[in-house]
All heavy atoms as atom14 arrays in JSON, in Angstrom:
{
  "sequence": "TIATAIPTVASARMVPWARAHLNHTAQALIISTAA",
  "atom14_mask": [
    [1, 1, 1, 1, 1, 1, 1, 0, 0, 0, 0, 0, 0, 0],
    [1, 1, 1, 1, 1, 1, 1, 1, 0, 0, 0, 0, 0, 0],
    [1, 1, 1, 1, 1, 0, 0, 0, 0, 0, 0, 0, 0, 0],
    [1, 1, 1, 1, 1, 1, 1, 0, 0, 0, 0, 0, 0, 0],
    [1, 1, 1, 1, 1, 0, 0, 0, 0, 0, 0, 0, 0, 0],
    [1, 1, 1, 1, 1, 1, 1, 1, 0, 0, 0, 0, 0, 0],
    [1, 1, 1, 1, 1, 1, 1, 0, 0, 0, 0, 0, 0, 0],
    [1, 1, 1, 1, 1, 1, 1, 0, 0, 0, 0, 0, 0, 0],
    [1, 1, 1, 1, 1, 1, 1, 0, 0, 0, 0, 0, 0, 0],
    [1, 1, 1, 1, 1, 0, 0, 0, 0, 0, 0, 0, 0, 0],
    [1, 1, 1, 1, 1, 1, 0, 0, 0, 0, 0, 0, 0, 0],
    [1, 1, 1, 1, 1, 0, 0, 0, 0, 0, 0, 0, 0, 0],
    [1, 1, 1, 1, 1, 1, 1, 1, 1, 1, 1, 0, 0, 0],
    [1, 1, 1, 1, 1, 1, 1, 1, 0, 0, 0, 0, 0, 0],
    [1, 1, 1, 1, 1, 1, 1, 0, 0, 0, 0, 0, 0, 0],
    [1, 1, 1, 1, 1, 1, 1, 0, 0, 0, 0, 0, 0, 0],
    [1, 1, 1, 1, 1, 1, 1, 1, 1, 1, 1, 1, 1, 1],
    [1, 1, 1, 1, 1, 0, 0, 0, 0, 0, 0, 0, 0, 0],
    [1, 1, 1, 1, 1, 1, 1, 1, 1, 1, 1, 0, 0, 0],
    [1, 1, 1, 1, 1, 0, 0, 0, 0, 0, 0, 0, 0, 0],
    [1, 1, 1, 1, 1, 1, 1, 1, 1, 1, 0, 0, 0, 0],
    [1, 1, 1, 1, 1, 1, 1, 1, 0, 0, 0, 0, 0, 0],
    [1, 1, 1, 1, 1, 1, 1, 1, 0, 0, 0, 0, 0, 0],
    [1, 1, 1, 1, 1, 1, 1, 1, 1, 1, 0, 0, 0, 0],
    [1, 1, 1, 1, 1, 1, 1, 0, 0, 0, 0, 0, 0, 0],
    [1, 1, 1, 1, 1, 0, 0, 0, 0, 0, 0, 0, 0, 0],
    [1, 1, 1, 1, 1, 1, 1, 1, 1, 0, 0, 0, 0, 0],
    [1, 1, 1, 1, 1, 0, 0, 0, 0, 0, 0, 0, 0, 0],
    [1, 1, 1, 1, 1, 1, 1, 1, 0, 0, 0, 0, 0, 0],
    [1, 1, 1, 1, 1, 1, 1, 1, 0, 0, 0, 0, 0, 0],
    [1, 1, 1, 1, 1, 1, 1, 1, 0, 0, 0, 0, 0, 0],
    [1, 1, 1, 1, 1, 1, 0, 0, 0, 0, 0, 0, 0, 0],
    [1, 1, 1, 1, 1, 1, 1, 0, 0, 0, 0, 0, 0, 0],
    [1, 1, 1, 1, 1, 0, 0, 0, 0, 0, 0, 0, 0, 0],
    [1, 1, 1, 1, 1, 0, 0, 0, 0, 0, 0, 0, 0, 0]
  ],
  "atom14_positions": [
    [[133.24, 78.75, -188.78], [132.98, 80.14, -188.45], [134.27, 80.86, -188.06], [134.55, 81.96, -188.55], [131.95, 80.22, -187.28], [130.75, 79.6, -187.71], [131.69, 81.66, -186.9], [0.0, 0.0, 0.0], [0.0, 0.0, 0.0], [0.0, 0.0, 0.0], [0.0, 0.0, 0.0], [0.0, 0.0, 0.0], [0.0, 0.0, 0.0], [0.0, 0.0, 0.0]],
    [[135.03, 80.24, -187.22], [136.29, 80.84, -186.8], [137.25, 80.94, -187.98], [137.92, 81.97, -188.18], [136.91, 80.06, -185.64], [136.01, 80.19, -184.41], [138.32, 80.55, -185.33], [136.34, 79.22, -183.29], [0.0, 0.0, 0.0], [0.0, 0.0, 0.0], [0.0, 0.0, 0.0], [0.0, 0.0, 0.0], [0.0, 0.0, 0.0], [0.0, 0.0, 0.0]],
    [[137.32, 79.88, -188.78], [138.24, 79.84, -189.91], [137.9, 80.86, -190.99], [138.79, 81.33, -191.69], [138.3, 78.44, -190.51], [0.0, 0.0, 0.0], [0.0, 0.0, 0.0], [0.0, 0.0, 0.0], [0.0, 0.0, 0.0], [0.0, 0.0, 0.0], [0.0, 0.0, 0.0], [0.0, 0.0, 0.0], [0.0, 0.0, 0.0], [0.0, 0.0, 0.0]],
    [[136.64, 81.21, -191.14], [136.27, 82.21, -192.14], [136.14, 83.61, -191.57], [136.33, 84.58, -192.3], [134.96, 81.84, -192.84], [133.94, 81.67, -191.86], [135.1, 80.62, -193.68], [0.0, 0.0, 0.0], [0.0, 0.0, 0.0], [0.0, 0.0, 0.0], [0.0, 0.0, 0.0], [0.0, 0.0, 0.0], [0.0, 0.0, 0.0], [0.0, 0.0, 0.0]],
    [[135.84, 83.72, -190.28], [135.64, 85.06, -189.7], [136.95, 85.84, -189.64], [136.98, 87.04, -189.94], [135.04, 84.95, -188.31], [0.0, 0.0, 0.0], [0.0, 0.0, 0.0], [0.0, 0.0, 0.0], [0.0, 0.0, 0.0], [0.0, 0.0, 0.0], [0.0, 0.0, 0.0], [0.0, 0.0, 0.0], [0.0, 0.0, 0.0], [0.0, 0.0, 0.0]],
    [[138.02, 85.17, -189.28], [139.28, 85.87, -189.11], [139.78, 86.48, -190.43], [140.02, 87.68, -190.49], [140.33, 84.95, -188.45], [139.88, 84.64, -187.01], [141.71, 85.58, -188.46], [140.68, 83.55, -186.35], [0.0, 0.0, 0.0], [0.0, 0.0, 0.0], [0.0, 0.0, 0.0], [0.0, 0.0, 0.0], [0.0, 0.0, 0.0], [0.0, 0.0, 0.0]],
    [[139.9, 85.69, -191.5], [140.36, 86.33, -192.74], [139.35, 87.3, -193.36], [139.73, 88.29, -194.0], [140.64, 85.16, -193.69], [140.01, 83.99, -193.09], [139.81, 84.26, -191.64], [0.0, 0.0, 0.0], [0.0, 0.0, 0.0], [0.0, 0.0, 0.0], [0.0, 0.0, 0.0], [0.0, 0.0, 0.0], [0.0, 0.0, 0.0], [0.0, 0.0, 0.0]],
    [[138.06, 87.03, -193.17], [137.05, 87.95, -193.74], [137.11, 89.3, -193.08], [137.16, 90.35, -193.75], [135.65, 87.34, -193.59], [135.61, 86.09, -194.24], [134.6, 88.25, -194.18], [0.0, 0.0, 0.0], [0.0, 0.0, 0.0], [0.0, 0.0, 0.0], [0.0, 0.0, 0.0], [0.0, 0.0, 0.0], [0.0, 0.0, 0.0], [0.0, 0.0, 0.0]],
    [[137.13, 89.33, -191.77], [137.18, 90.6, -191.05], [138.52, 91.29, -191.27], [138.58, 92.51, -191.47], [136.89, 90.37, -189.53], [137.11, 91.64, -188.75], [135.48, 89.86, -189.35], [0.0, 0.0, 0.0], [0.0, 0.0, 0.0], [0.0, 0.0, 0.0], [0.0, 0.0, 0.0], [0.0, 0.0, 0.0], [0.0, 0.0, 0.0], [0.0, 0.0, 0.0]],
    [[139.6, 90.53, -191.29], [140.93, 91.12, -191.51], [141.02, 91.72, -192.9], [141.53, 92.86, -193.05], [142.0, 90.07, -191.31], [0.0, 0.0, 0.0], [0.0, 0.0, 0.0], [0.0, 0.0, 0.0], [0.0, 0.0, 0.0], [0.0, 0.0, 0.0], [0.0, 0.0, 0.0], [0.0, 0.0, 0.0], [0.0, 0.0, 0.0], [0.0, 0.0, 0.0]],
    [[140.52, 91.04, -193.91], [140.59, 91.58, -195.25], [139.67, 92.78, -195.41], [140.0, 93.73, -196.14], [140.27, 90.54, -196.29], [138.93, 90.13, -196.17], [0.0, 0.0, 0.0], [0.0, 0.0, 0.0], [0.0, 0.0, 0.0], [0.0, 0.0, 0.0], [0.0, 0.0, 0.0], [0.0, 0.0, 0.0], [0.0, 0.0, 0.0], [0.0, 0.0, 0.0]],
    [[138.53, 92.79, -194.74], [137.64, 93.95, -194.81], [138.24, 95.18, -194.16], [137.87, 96.31, -194.47], [136.32, 93.61, -194.14], [0.0, 0.0, 0.0], [0.0, 0.0, 0.0], [0.0, 0.0, 0.0], [0.0, 0.0, 0.0], [0.0, 0.0, 0.0], [0.0, 0.0, 0.0], [0.0, 0.0, 0.0], [0.0, 0.0, 0.0], [0.0, 0.0, 0.0]],
    [[139.19, 94.98, -193.27], [139.85, 96.11, -192.64], [141.1, 96.57, -193.39], [141.44, 97.74, -193.39], [140.28, 95.74, -191.21], [139.16, 95.25, -190.34], [138.66, 96.31, -189.4], [137.71, 95.79, -188.43], [136.42, 95.66, -188.63], [135.91, 95.96, -189.79], [135.63, 95.21, -187.67], [0.0, 0.0, 0.0], [0.0, 0.0, 0.0], [0.0, 0.0, 0.0]],
    [[141.8, 95.62, -194.05], [143.11, 95.95, -194.64], [143.13, 96.12, -196.15], [143.89, 96.91, -196.66], [144.12, 94.89, -194.24], [144.45, 94.89, -192.76], [145.76, 93.76, -192.39], [144.86, 92.48, -191.56], [0.0, 0.0, 0.0], [0.0, 0.0, 0.0], [0.0, 0.0, 0.0], [0.0, 0.0, 0.0], [0.0, 0.0, 0.0], [0.0, 0.0, 0.0]],
    [[142.33, 95.33, -196.87], [142.35, 95.37, -198.33], [141.44, 96.5, -198.8], [140.26, 96.55, -198.43], [141.89, 94.01, -198.91], [141.85, 94.04, -200.42], [142.8, 92.9, -198.4], [0.0, 0.0, 0.0], [0.0, 0.0, 0.0], [0.0, 0.0, 0.0], [0.0, 0.0, 0.0], [0.0, 0.0, 0.0], [0.0, 0.0, 0.0], [0.0, 0.0, 0.0]],
    [[141.95, 97.41, -199.62], [141.13, 98.57, -200.03], [139.84, 98.17, -200.75], [138.79, 98.76, -200.5], [142.05, 99.35, -200.96], [143.44, 98.95, -200.57], [143.34, 97.53, -200.08], [0.0, 0.0, 0.0], [0.0, 0.0, 0.0], [0.0, 0.0, 0.0], [0.0, 0.0, 0.0], [0.0, 0.0, 0.0], [0.0, 0.0, 0.0], [0.0, 0.0, 0.0]],
    [[139.91, 97.18, -201.67], [138.68, 96.8, -202.37], [137.66, 96.24, -201.4], [136.48, 96.57, -201.47], [139.0, 95.74, -203.44], [137.77, 95.33, -204.19], [137.28, 95.88, -205.33], [136.85, 94.29, -203.84], [136.13, 95.26, -205.71], [135.85, 94.28, -204.81], [136.79, 93.36, -202.81], [134.77, 93.37, -204.77], [135.72, 92.48, -202.76], [134.73, 92.49, -203.74]],
    [[138.1, 95.37, -200.49], [137.2, 94.76, -199.53], [136.6, 95.81, -198.59], [135.43, 95.75, -198.24], [137.89, 93.68, -198.73], [0.0, 0.0, 0.0], [0.0, 0.0, 0.0], [0.0, 0.0, 0.0], [0.0, 0.0, 0.0], [0.0, 0.0, 0.0], [0.0, 0.0, 0.0], [0.0, 0.0, 0.0], [0.0, 0.0, 0.0], [0.0, 0.0, 0.0]],
    [[137.43, 96.79, -198.21], [136.94, 97.85, -197.35], [135.83, 98.65, -198.03], [134.85, 99.06, -197.37], [138.09, 98.79, -196.95], [137.68, 99.82, -195.92], [138.81, 100.77, -195.56], [140.01, 100.05, -195.17], [141.23, 100.4, -195.53], [141.43, 101.45, -196.31], [142.29, 99.71, -195.12], [0.0, 0.0, 0.0], [0.0, 0.0, 0.0], [0.0, 0.0, 0.0]],
    [[135.96, 98.84, -199.33], [134.97, 99.62, -200.05], [133.7, 98.84, -200.38], [132.63, 99.42, -200.51], [135.59, 100.15, -201.34], [0.0, 0.0, 0.0], [0.0, 0.0, 0.0], [0.0, 0.0, 0.0], [0.0, 0.0, 0.0], [0.0, 0.0, 0.0], [0.0, 0.0, 0.0], [0.0, 0.0, 0.0], [0.0, 0.0, 0.0], [0.0, 0.0, 0.0]],
    [[133.8, 97.52, -200.53], [132.68, 96.74, -201.03], [132.05, 95.76, -200.04], [130.95, 95.28, -200.3], [133.1, 95.96, -202.27], [133.38, 96.84, -203.44], [134.65, 97.31, -203.7], [132.59, 97.37, -204.38], [134.62, 98.09, -204.76], [133.36, 98.12, -205.2], [0.0, 0.0, 0.0], [0.0, 0.0, 0.0], [0.0, 0.0, 0.0], [0.0, 0.0, 0.0]],
    [[132.71, 95.43, -198.96], [132.16, 94.45, -198.01], [131.7, 95.15, -196.72], [132.49, 95.4, -195.85], [133.19, 93.38, -197.68], [133.63, 92.45, -198.81], [134.66, 91.46, -198.31], [132.45, 91.74, -199.42], [0.0, 0.0, 0.0], [0.0, 0.0, 0.0], [0.0, 0.0, 0.0], [0.0, 0.0, 0.0], [0.0, 0.0, 0.0], [0.0, 0.0, 0.0]],
    [[130.4, 95.44, -196.66], [129.88, 96.0, -195.43], [129.67, 94.88, -194.41], [129.99, 93.72, -194.65], [128.58, 96.78, -195.69], [127.5, 95.93, -196.28], [127.61, 94.7, -196.3], [126.46, 96.55, -196.79], [0.0, 0.0, 0.0], [0.0, 0.0, 0.0], [0.0, 0.0, 0.0], [0.0, 0.0, 0.0], [0.0, 0.0, 0.0], [0.0, 0.0, 0.0]],
    [[129.13, 95.23, -193.25], [128.96, 94.23, -192.18], [128.02, 93.1, -192.61], [128.21, 91.93, -192.23], [128.47, 94.89, -190.91], [129.43, 95.83, -190.32], [130.62, 95.43, -189.77], [129.42, 97.2, -190.19], [131.3, 96.46, -189.33], [130.6, 97.55, -189.59], [0.0, 0.0, 0.0], [0.0, 0.0, 0.0], [0.0, 0.0, 0.0], [0.0, 0.0, 0.0]],
    [[127.01, 93.43, -193.37], [126.07, 92.4, -193.83], [126.74, 91.4, -194.76], [126.54, 90.19, -194.66], [124.87, 93.06, -194.55], [124.27, 94.01, -193.67], [123.84, 92.03, -194.96], [0.0, 0.0, 0.0], [0.0, 0.0, 0.0], [0.0, 0.0, 0.0], [0.0, 0.0, 0.0], [0.0, 0.0, 0.0], [0.0, 0.0, 0.0], [0.0, 0.0, 0.0]],
    [[127.56, 91.89, -195.66], [128.29, 91.01, -196.58], [129.27, 90.11, -195.82], [129.38, 88.92, -196.11], [129.03, 91.82, -197.62], [0.0, 0.0, 0.0], [0.0, 0.0, 0.0], [0.0, 0.0, 0.0], [0.0, 0.0, 0.0], [0.0, 0.0, 0.0], [0.0, 0.0, 0.0], [0.0, 0.0, 0.0], [0.0, 0.0, 0.0], [0.0, 0.0, 0.0]],
    [[129.92, 90.66, -194.83], [130.84, 89.86, -194.03], [130.1, 88.77, -193.29], [130.53, 87.61, -193.25], [131.6, 90.74, -193.05], [132.53, 91.73, -193.72], [133.1, 92.71, -192.72], [133.39, 92.35, -191.58], [133.27, 93.96, -193.13], [0.0, 0.0, 0.0], [0.0, 0.0, 0.0], [0.0, 0.0, 0.0], [0.0, 0.0, 0.0], [0.0, 0.0, 0.0]],
    [[128.97, 89.12, -192.69], [128.16, 88.13, -191.97], [127.64, 87.06, -192.91], [127.58, 85.87, -192.55], [127.01, 88.83, -191.25], [0.0, 0.0, 0.0], [0.0, 0.0, 0.0], [0.0, 0.0, 0.0], [0.0, 0.0, 0.0], [0.0, 0.0, 0.0], [0.0, 0.0, 0.0], [0.0, 0.0, 0.0], [0.0, 0.0, 0.0], [0.0, 0.0, 0.0]],
    [[127.27, 87.45, -194.12], [126.77, 86.48, -195.09], [127.88, 85.5, -195.5], [127.63, 84.29, -195.62], [126.24, 87.2, -196.34], [125.59, 86.33, -197.41], [124.4, 85.61, -196.84], [125.2, 87.2, -198.59], [0.0, 0.0, 0.0], [0.0, 0.0, 0.0], [0.0, 0.0, 0.0], [0.0, 0.0, 0.0], [0.0, 0.0, 0.0], [0.0, 0.0, 0.0]],
    [[129.07, 85.97, -195.71], [130.2, 85.11, -196.07], [130.47, 84.09, -194.95], [130.6, 82.9, -195.17], [131.46, 85.94, -196.35], [131.29, 86.74, -197.64], [132.7, 85.06, -196.42], [132.34, 87.78, -197.85], [0.0, 0.0, 0.0], [0.0, 0.0, 0.0], [0.0, 0.0, 0.0], [0.0, 0.0, 0.0], [0.0, 0.0, 0.0], [0.0, 0.0, 0.0]],
    [[130.51, 84.59, -193.72], [130.8, 83.74, -192.57], [129.69, 82.71, -192.33], [129.94, 81.53, -192.13], [131.06, 84.61, -191.33], [132.32, 85.44, -191.54], [131.19, 83.73, -190.08], [132.48, 86.57, -190.54], [0.0, 0.0, 0.0], [0.0, 0.0, 0.0], [0.0, 0.0, 0.0], [0.0, 0.0, 0.0], [0.0, 0.0, 0.0], [0.0, 0.0, 0.0]],
    [[128.45, 83.16, -192.36], [127.34, 82.25, -192.08], [127.14, 81.22, -193.19], [126.73, 80.08, -192.93], [126.05, 83.03, -191.85], [125.67, 83.71, -193.01], [0.0, 0.0, 0.0], [0.0, 0.0, 0.0], [0.0, 0.0, 0.0], [0.0, 0.0, 0.0], [0.0, 0.0, 0.0], [0.0, 0.0, 0.0], [0.0, 0.0, 0.0], [0.0, 0.0, 0.0]],
    [[127.46, 81.58, -194.43], [127.36, 80.62, -195.52], [128.36, 79.49, -195.34], [128.04, 78.31, -195.52], [127.59, 81.31, -196.88], [126.59, 82.33, -197.04], [127.49, 80.33, -198.02], [0.0, 0.0, 0.0], [0.0, 0.0, 0.0], [0.0, 0.0, 0.0], [0.0, 0.0, 0.0], [0.0, 0.0, 0.0], [0.0, 0.0, 0.0], [0.0, 0.0, 0.0]],
    [[129.58, 79.85, -194.98], [130.59, 78.82, -194.73], [130.21, 77.93, -193.54], [130.37, 76.7, -193.6], [131.95, 79.46, -194.48], [0.0, 0.0, 0.0], [0.0, 0.0, 0.0], [0.0, 0.0, 0.0], [0.0, 0.0, 0.0], [0.0, 0.0, 0.0], [0.0, 0.0, 0.0], [0.0, 0.0, 0.0], [0.0, 0.0, 0.0], [0.0, 0.0, 0.0]],
    [[129.71, 78.54, -192.49], [129.29, 77.74, -191.33], [128.12, 76.82, -191.65], [128.1, 75.65, -191.26], [128.92, 78.67, -190.18], [0.0, 0.0, 0.0], [0.0, 0.0, 0.0], [0.0, 0.0, 0.0], [0.0, 0.0, 0.0], [0.0, 0.0, 0.0], [0.0, 0.0, 0.0], [0.0, 0.0, 0.0], [0.0, 0.0, 0.0], [0.0, 0.0, 0.0]]
  ]
}
C-alpha cells in the first residue's frame, strides 16, 4: 500500500495525463489492487 500509494498520488498530481484521467476512485483502485 505504501509502495504504490506514494507514486500513484504523486503522479496524479504532477503528470498531466494522470491528472486528467485518474480521479480519486481510480487511484484507490490501483492502490487497493496492489495491496
